[in-house]
């Protein structure tokens, strides 16, 4: 990890913190204590542009910062870290698996990342409410008469899919814009309809 990488991590974390505390949150009504935000975009962009290692470092630094200035400490920052780490792992896996292909859809990155993120988040939330905070489910009023736990885990998965889309697609669009403007040459990601040697 060189000086450029460290600088990009610092900038990404700073931007993430700024976006986290801007009034841009969208309430997620099925789970009133959750809200969609744009704070993950810089970390996702870092994962696509620089790779999983730098993005993981950025996610850990963001977690440390949120423990001092965030809300619902330590659960909130911890679950933010879990979500980011699993999403970053999915991005890195998708890129590594498909990097030998001459072209592919960026939706593969989203699909793999979302699958790993949802599975990890649902498992982490199940462990939290089943073993550590069983009373937490008393805040949830499920509809259609389904099990409170099933309702909570189902909408936790839906929330993470939507949040991942709000985070990854802007990062992918920004990456493609940088490539097309010749600002960067990125050999980690192949875009559908574009060959590596055309960059």
C-alpha atoms as a PDB file:
ATOM      1  CA  UNK A   1       0.000   0.000   0.000  1.00  0.00           C
ATOM      2  CA  UNK A   2       1.706   3.186  -1.208  1.00  0.00           C
ATOM      3  CA  UNK A   3       1.268   6.847  -0.330  1.00  0.00           C
ATOM      4  CA  UNK A   4      -1.348   7.296  -3.054  1.00  0.00           C
ATOM      5  CA  UNK A   5      -3.375   4.427  -1.611  1.00  0.00           C
ATOM      6  CA  UNK A   6      -3.213   5.865   1.905  1.00  0.00           C
ATOM      7  CA  UNK A   7      -4.274   9.263   0.598  1.00  0.00           C
ATOM      8  CA  UNK A   8      -7.254   7.780  -1.227  1.00  0.00           C
ATOM      9  CA  UNK A   9      -8.284   5.894   1.915  1.00  0.00           C
ATOM     10  CA  UNK A  10      -8.170   9.108   3.954  1.00  0.00           C
ATOM     11  CA  UNK A  11     -10.215  11.022   1.377  1.00  0.00           C
ATOM     12  CA  UNK A  12     -12.741   8.189   1.069  1.00  0.00           C
ATOM     13  CA  UNK A  13     -13.270   7.946   4.824  1.00  0.00           C
ATOM     14  CA  UNK A  14     -13.635  11.730   5.115  1.00  0.00           C
ATOM     15  CA  UNK A  15     -16.236  11.775   2.342  1.00  0.00           C
ATOM     16  CA  UNK A  16     -18.073   8.836   3.891  1.00  0.00           C
ATOM     17  CA  UNK A  17     -18.262  10.600   7.247  1.00  0.00           C
ATOM     18  CA  UNK A  18     -19.507  13.781   5.596  1.00  0.00           C
ATOM     19  CA  UNK A  19     -22.227  11.893   3.736  1.00  0.00           C
ATOM     20  CA  UNK A  20     -23.168   9.932   6.867  1.00  0.00           C
ATOM     21  CA  UNK A  21     -23.986  13.100   8.764  1.00  0.00           C
ATOM     22  CA  UNK A  22     -25.642  15.047   5.958  1.00  0.00           C
ATOM     23  CA  UNK A  23     -29.474  15.142   6.102  1.00  0.00           C
ATOM     24  CA  UNK A  24     -29.782  12.790   3.137  1.00  0.00           C
ATOM     25  CA  UNK A  25     -31.102   9.722   4.927  1.00  0.00           C
ATOM     26  CA  UNK A  26     -34.181   7.960   3.595  1.00  0.00           C
ATOM     27  CA  UNK A  27     -36.264   6.161   6.247  1.00  0.00           C
ATOM     28  CA  UNK A  28     -36.850   2.472   5.668  1.00  0.00           C
ATOM     29  CA  UNK A  29     -40.430   2.174   6.835  1.00  0.00           C
ATOM     30  CA  UNK A  30     -40.665  -1.609   7.430  1.00  0.00           C
ATOM     31  CA  UNK A  31     -37.867  -1.198  10.007  1.00  0.00           C
ATOM     32  CA  UNK A  32     -38.265   2.289  11.417  1.00  0.00           C
ATOM     33  CA  UNK A  33     -34.849   2.316  13.095  1.00  0.00           C
ATOM     34  CA  UNK A  34     -33.040   1.756   9.772  1.00  0.00           C
ATOM     35  CA  UNK A  35     -32.357   4.449   7.196  1.00  0.00           C
ATOM     36  CA  UNK A  36     -30.787   4.365   3.742  1.00  0.00           C
ATOM     37  CA  UNK A  37     -27.827   6.684   3.230  1.00  0.00           C
ATOM     38  CA  UNK A  38     -25.102   7.614   0.752  1.00  0.00           C
ATOM     39  CA  UNK A  39     -22.174   7.258   3.137  1.00  0.00           C
ATOM     40  CA  UNK A  40     -20.963   3.959   1.672  1.00  0.00           C
ATOM     41  CA  UNK A  41     -20.400   5.264  -1.876  1.00  0.00           C
ATOM     42  CA  UNK A  42     -16.785   6.484  -1.353  1.00  0.00           C
ATOM     43  CA  UNK A  43     -15.778   3.155   0.220  1.00  0.00           C
ATOM     44  CA  UNK A  44     -17.386   1.197  -2.642  1.00  0.00           C
ATOM     45  CA  UNK A  45     -15.620   3.409  -5.176  1.00  0.00           C
ATOM     46  CA  UNK A  46     -12.369   2.717  -3.369  1.00  0.00           C
ATOM     47  CA  UNK A  47     -13.072  -1.035  -3.555  1.00  0.00           C
ATOM     48  CA  UNK A  48     -13.610  -0.889  -7.320  1.00  0.00           C
ATOM     49  CA  UNK A  49     -10.784   1.527  -8.067  1.00  0.00           C
ATOM     50  CA  UNK A  50      -8.067   0.348  -5.698  1.00  0.00           C
ATOM     51  CA  UNK A  51      -9.149  -3.062  -4.484  1.00  0.00           C
ATOM     52  CA  UNK A  52     -10.496  -4.874  -1.464  1.00  0.00           C
ATOM     53  CA  UNK A  53      -7.496  -4.310   0.798  1.00  0.00           C
ATOM     54  CA  UNK A  54      -7.649  -0.522   0.693  1.00  0.00           C
ATOM     55  CA  UNK A  55     -11.429  -0.551   0.958  1.00  0.00           C
ATOM     56  CA  UNK A  56     -11.294  -2.840   4.015  1.00  0.00           C
ATOM     57  CA  UNK A  57      -8.836  -0.485   5.696  1.00  0.00           C
ATOM     58  CA  UNK A  58     -11.164   2.404   4.909  1.00  0.00           C
ATOM     59  CA  UNK A  59     -14.140   0.503   6.329  1.00  0.00           C
ATOM     60  CA  UNK A  60     -12.283  -0.246   9.570  1.00  0.00           C
ATOM     61  CA  UNK A  61     -11.232   3.395   9.959  1.00  0.00           C
ATOM     62  CA  UNK A  62     -14.818   4.488   9.308  1.00  0.00           C
ATOM     63  CA  UNK A  63     -15.999   2.015  11.962  1.00  0.00           C
ATOM     64  CA  UNK A  64     -13.538   3.452  14.484  1.00  0.00           C
ATOM     65  CA  UNK A  65     -14.675   7.001  13.733  1.00  0.00           C
ATOM     66  CA  UNK A  66     -18.366   6.107  14.012  1.00  0.00           C
ATOM     67  CA  UNK A  67     -17.742   4.604  17.449  1.00  0.00           C
ATOM     68  CA  UNK A  68     -16.813   8.102  18.631  1.00  0.00           C
ATOM     69  CA  UNK A  69     -19.264  10.265  16.701  1.00  0.00           C
ATOM     70  CA  UNK A  70     -21.957   7.896  15.407  1.00  0.00           C
ATOM     71  CA  UNK A  71     -25.234   6.719  16.854  1.00  0.00           C
ATOM     72  CA  UNK A  72     -26.386   3.459  18.491  1.00  0.00           C
ATOM     73  CA  UNK A  73     -22.804   2.693  19.598  1.00  0.00           C
ATOM     74  CA  UNK A  74     -21.391   0.047  19.453  1.00  0.00           C
ATOM     75  CA  UNK A  75     -24.053  -1.932  17.561  1.00  0.00           C
ATOM     76  CA  UNK A  76     -24.634   0.589  14.766  1.00  0.00           C
ATOM     77  CA  UNK A  77     -20.971   1.052  13.787  1.00  0.00           C
ATOM     78  CA  UNK A  78     -20.304  -2.681  14.102  1.00  0.00           C
ATOM     79  CA  UNK A  79     -23.134  -3.614  11.757  1.00  0.00           C
ATOM     80  CA  UNK A  80     -22.046  -0.899   9.329  1.00  0.00           C
ATOM     81  CA  UNK A  81     -18.602  -2.526   9.302  1.00  0.00           C
ATOM     82  CA  UNK A  82     -20.097  -5.989   8.788  1.00  0.00           C
ATOM     83  CA  UNK A  83     -22.213  -4.735   5.886  1.00  0.00           C
ATOM     84  CA  UNK A  84     -19.312  -2.913   4.241  1.00  0.00           C
ATOM     85  CA  UNK A  85     -16.837  -5.762   4.720  1.00  0.00           C
ATOM     86  CA  UNK A  86     -19.210  -8.326   3.208  1.00  0.00           C
ATOM     87  CA  UNK A  87     -20.079  -6.051   0.282  1.00  0.00           C
ATOM     88  CA  UNK A  88     -16.397  -5.335  -0.385  1.00  0.00           C
ATOM     89  CA  UNK A  89     -15.664  -9.069  -0.286  1.00  0.00           C
ATOM     90  CA  UNK A  90     -18.376  -9.606  -2.871  1.00  0.00           C
ATOM     91  CA  UNK A  91     -16.984  -6.896  -5.142  1.00  0.00           C
ATOM     92  CA  UNK A  92     -13.497  -8.359  -4.925  1.00  0.00           C
ATOM     93  CA  UNK A  93     -14.763 -11.890  -5.551  1.00  0.00           C
ATOM     94  CA  UNK A  94     -16.778 -10.809  -8.604  1.00  0.00           C
ATOM     95  CA  UNK A  95     -13.809  -8.962 -10.094  1.00  0.00           C
ATOM     96  CA  UNK A  96     -11.368 -11.801  -9.432  1.00  0.00           C
ATOM     97  CA  UNK A  97     -13.671 -14.448 -10.897  1.00  0.00           C
ATOM     98  CA  UNK A  98     -14.444 -12.495 -14.061  1.00  0.00           C
ATOM     99  CA  UNK A  99     -11.216 -10.574 -14.642  1.00  0.00           C
ATOM    100  CA  UNK A 100     -10.170 -12.995 -17.401  1.00  0.00           C
ATOM    101  CA  UNK A 101     -13.332 -12.259 -19.367  1.00  0.00           C
ATOM    102  CA  UNK A 102     -13.102  -9.612 -22.049  1.00  0.00           C
ATOM    103  CA  UNK A 103     -16.518  -8.175 -21.201  1.00  0.00           C
ATOM    104  CA  UNK A 104     -19.227  -8.555 -18.587  1.00  0.00           C
ATOM    105  CA  UNK A 105     -22.048  -6.654 -17.019  1.00  0.00           C
ATOM    106  CA  UNK A 106     -21.394  -4.598 -13.864  1.00  0.00           C
ATOM    107  CA  UNK A 107     -24.588  -6.137 -12.549  1.00  0.00           C
ATOM    108  CA  UNK A 108     -22.477  -9.199 -11.747  1.00  0.00           C
ATOM    109  CA  UNK A 109     -20.580  -7.106  -9.218  1.00  0.00           C
ATOM    110  CA  UNK A 110     -23.839  -5.944  -7.679  1.00  0.00           C
ATOM    111  CA  UNK A 111     -25.379  -9.433  -7.609  1.00  0.00           C
ATOM    112  CA  UNK A 112     -22.396 -11.166  -5.990  1.00  0.00           C
ATOM    113  CA  UNK A 113     -21.799  -8.339  -3.546  1.00  0.00           C
ATOM    114  CA  UNK A 114     -25.471  -8.185  -2.567  1.00  0.00           C
ATOM    115  CA  UNK A 115     -25.729 -11.950  -2.077  1.00  0.00           C
ATOM    116  CA  UNK A 116     -22.763 -12.029   0.302  1.00  0.00           C
ATOM    117  CA  UNK A 117     -23.903  -8.877   2.075  1.00  0.00           C
ATOM    118  CA  UNK A 118     -27.462 -10.102   2.613  1.00  0.00           C
ATOM    119  CA  UNK A 119     -26.406 -13.527   3.890  1.00  0.00           C
ATOM    120  CA  UNK A 120     -23.874 -11.979   6.270  1.00  0.00           C
ATOM    121  CA  UNK A 121     -26.219  -9.244   7.499  1.00  0.00           C
ATOM    122  CA  UNK A 122     -29.127 -11.607   8.071  1.00  0.00           C
ATOM    123  CA  UNK A 123     -26.907 -14.036   9.997  1.00  0.00           C
ATOM    124  CA  UNK A 124     -25.386 -11.228  12.081  1.00  0.00           C
ATOM    125  CA  UNK A 125     -28.822  -9.801  12.893  1.00  0.00           C
ATOM    126  CA  UNK A 126     -30.165 -13.235  13.797  1.00  0.00           C
ATOM    127  CA  UNK A 127     -27.278 -13.756  16.231  1.00  0.00           C
ATOM    128  CA  UNK A 128     -27.882 -10.291  17.699  1.00  0.00           C
ATOM    129  CA  UNK A 129     -31.604 -10.688  18.374  1.00  0.00           C
ATOM    130  CA  UNK A 130     -31.561 -14.396  19.213  1.00  0.00           C
ATOM    131  CA  UNK A 131     -28.689 -14.407  21.682  1.00  0.00           C
ATOM    132  CA  UNK A 132     -27.743 -10.873  22.756  1.00  0.00           C
ATOM    133  CA  UNK A 133     -30.763  -8.553  22.406  1.00  0.00           C
ATOM    134  CA  UNK A 134     -33.977 -10.612  22.323  1.00  0.00           C
ATOM    135  CA  UNK A 135     -35.948  -7.643  23.623  1.00  0.00           C
ATOM    136  CA  UNK A 136     -34.971  -5.648  20.553  1.00  0.00           C
ATOM    137  CA  UNK A 137     -37.785  -7.259  18.559  1.00  0.00           C
ATOM    138  CA  UNK A 138     -40.360  -5.601  20.794  1.00  0.00           C
ATOM    139  CA  UNK A 139     -39.772  -2.412  18.761  1.00  0.00           C
ATOM    140  CA  UNK A 140     -41.061  -4.131  15.613  1.00  0.00           C
ATOM    141  CA  UNK A 141     -44.720  -4.297  14.668  1.00  0.00           C
ATOM    142  CA  UNK A 142     -44.965  -6.858  11.862  1.00  0.00           C
ATOM    143  CA  UNK A 143     -47.766  -6.869   9.322  1.00  0.00           C
ATOM    144  CA  UNK A 144     -49.771  -9.774   7.917  1.00  0.00           C
ATOM    145  CA  UNK A 145     -49.410 -11.663  11.207  1.00  0.00           C
ATOM    146  CA  UNK A 146     -46.043 -13.206  10.352  1.00  0.00           C
ATOM    147  CA  UNK A 147     -43.398 -14.128  12.918  1.00  0.00           C
ATOM    148  CA  UNK A 148     -41.624 -11.070  14.300  1.00  0.00           C
ATOM    149  CA  UNK A 149     -38.224 -12.697  13.767  1.00  0.00           C
ATOM    150  CA  UNK A 150     -39.052 -13.737  10.195  1.00  0.00           C
ATOM    151  CA  UNK A 151     -40.374 -10.245   9.446  1.00  0.00           C
ATOM    152  CA  UNK A 152     -37.235  -8.647  10.878  1.00  0.00           C
ATOM    153  CA  UNK A 153     -34.797 -10.887   8.998  1.00  0.00           C
ATOM    154  CA  UNK A 154     -36.705 -10.647   5.701  1.00  0.00           C
ATOM    155  CA  UNK A 155     -36.736  -6.854   5.705  1.00  0.00           C
ATOM    156  CA  UNK A 156     -33.142  -6.768   6.920  1.00  0.00           C
ATOM    157  CA  UNK A 157     -32.277  -8.583   3.687  1.00  0.00           C
ATOM    158  CA  UNK A 158     -34.396  -6.203   1.589  1.00  0.00           C
ATOM    159  CA  UNK A 159     -32.817  -3.199   3.299  1.00  0.00           C
ATOM    160  CA  UNK A 160     -29.312  -4.443   2.534  1.00  0.00           C
ATOM    161  CA  UNK A 161     -30.129  -5.075  -1.135  1.00  0.00           C
ATOM    162  CA  UNK A 162     -31.457  -1.521  -1.531  1.00  0.00           C
ATOM    163  CA  UNK A 163     -28.567  -0.003   0.433  1.00  0.00           C
ATOM    164  CA  UNK A 164     -26.071  -1.964  -1.647  1.00  0.00           C
ATOM    165  CA  UNK A 165     -27.675  -0.679  -4.856  1.00  0.00           C
ATOM    166  CA  UNK A 166     -27.524   2.908  -3.579  1.00  0.00           C
ATOM    167  CA  UNK A 167     -23.835   2.407  -2.787  1.00  0.00           C
ATOM    168  CA  UNK A 168     -22.470   0.305  -5.652  1.00  0.00           C
ATOM    169  CA  UNK A 169     -24.198   1.693  -8.744  1.00  0.00           C
ATOM    170  CA  UNK A 170     -23.080   5.320  -8.176  1.00  0.00           C
ATOM    171  CA  UNK A 171     -19.546   4.003  -7.574  1.00  0.00           C
ATOM    172  CA  UNK A 172     -19.663   1.933 -10.784  1.00  0.00           C
ATOM    173  CA  UNK A 173     -21.031   4.869 -12.779  1.00  0.00           C
ATOM    174  CA  UNK A 174     -18.319   7.147 -11.403  1.00  0.00           C
ATOM    175  CA  UNK A 175     -15.661   4.579 -12.281  1.00  0.00           C
ATOM    176  CA  UNK A 176     -16.907   4.274 -15.854  1.00  0.00           C
ATOM    177  CA  UNK A 177     -17.023   8.068 -16.205  1.00  0.00           C
ATOM    178  CA  UNK A 178     -13.411   8.329 -15.039  1.00  0.00           C
ATOM    179  CA  UNK A 179     -12.339   5.648 -17.503  1.00  0.00           C
ATOM    180  CA  UNK A 180     -14.165   7.248 -20.424  1.00  0.00           C
ATOM    181  CA  UNK A 181     -12.677  10.646 -19.615  1.00  0.00           C
ATOM    182  CA  UNK A 182      -9.199   9.013 -19.599  1.00  0.00           C
ATOM    183  CA  UNK A 183      -8.694  10.256 -16.046  1.00  0.00           C
ATOM    184  CA  UNK A 184      -7.781   6.733 -14.985  1.00  0.00           C
ATOM    185  CA  UNK A 185      -6.964   3.459 -16.683  1.00  0.00           C
ATOM    186  CA  UNK A 186      -8.556   0.735 -14.637  1.00  0.00           C
ATOM    187  CA  UNK A 187      -7.658  -2.817 -15.546  1.00  0.00           C
ATOM    188  CA  UNK A 188      -9.494  -4.385 -12.598  1.00  0.00           C
ATOM    189  CA  UNK A 189     -12.970  -3.998 -14.093  1.00  0.00           C
ATOM    190  CA  UNK A 190     -14.289  -4.846 -17.549  1.00  0.00           C
ATOM    191  CA  UNK A 191     -17.490  -3.176 -18.689  1.00  0.00           C
ATOM    192  CA  UNK A 192     -19.986  -4.850 -20.987  1.00  0.00           C
ATOM    193  CA  UNK A 193     -19.329  -3.864 -24.579  1.00  0.00           C
ATOM    194  CA  UNK A 194     -15.889  -2.469 -23.794  1.00  0.00           C
ATOM    195  CA  UNK A 195     -12.680  -4.384 -24.245  1.00  0.00           C
ATOM    196  CA  UNK A 196      -9.714  -3.849 -21.982  1.00  0.00           C
ATOM    197  CA  UNK A 197      -7.480  -2.641 -24.827  1.00  0.00           C
ATOM    198  CA  UNK A 198     -10.056   0.016 -25.734  1.00  0.00           C
ATOM    199  CA  UNK A 199      -9.444   1.841 -22.458  1.00  0.00           C
END
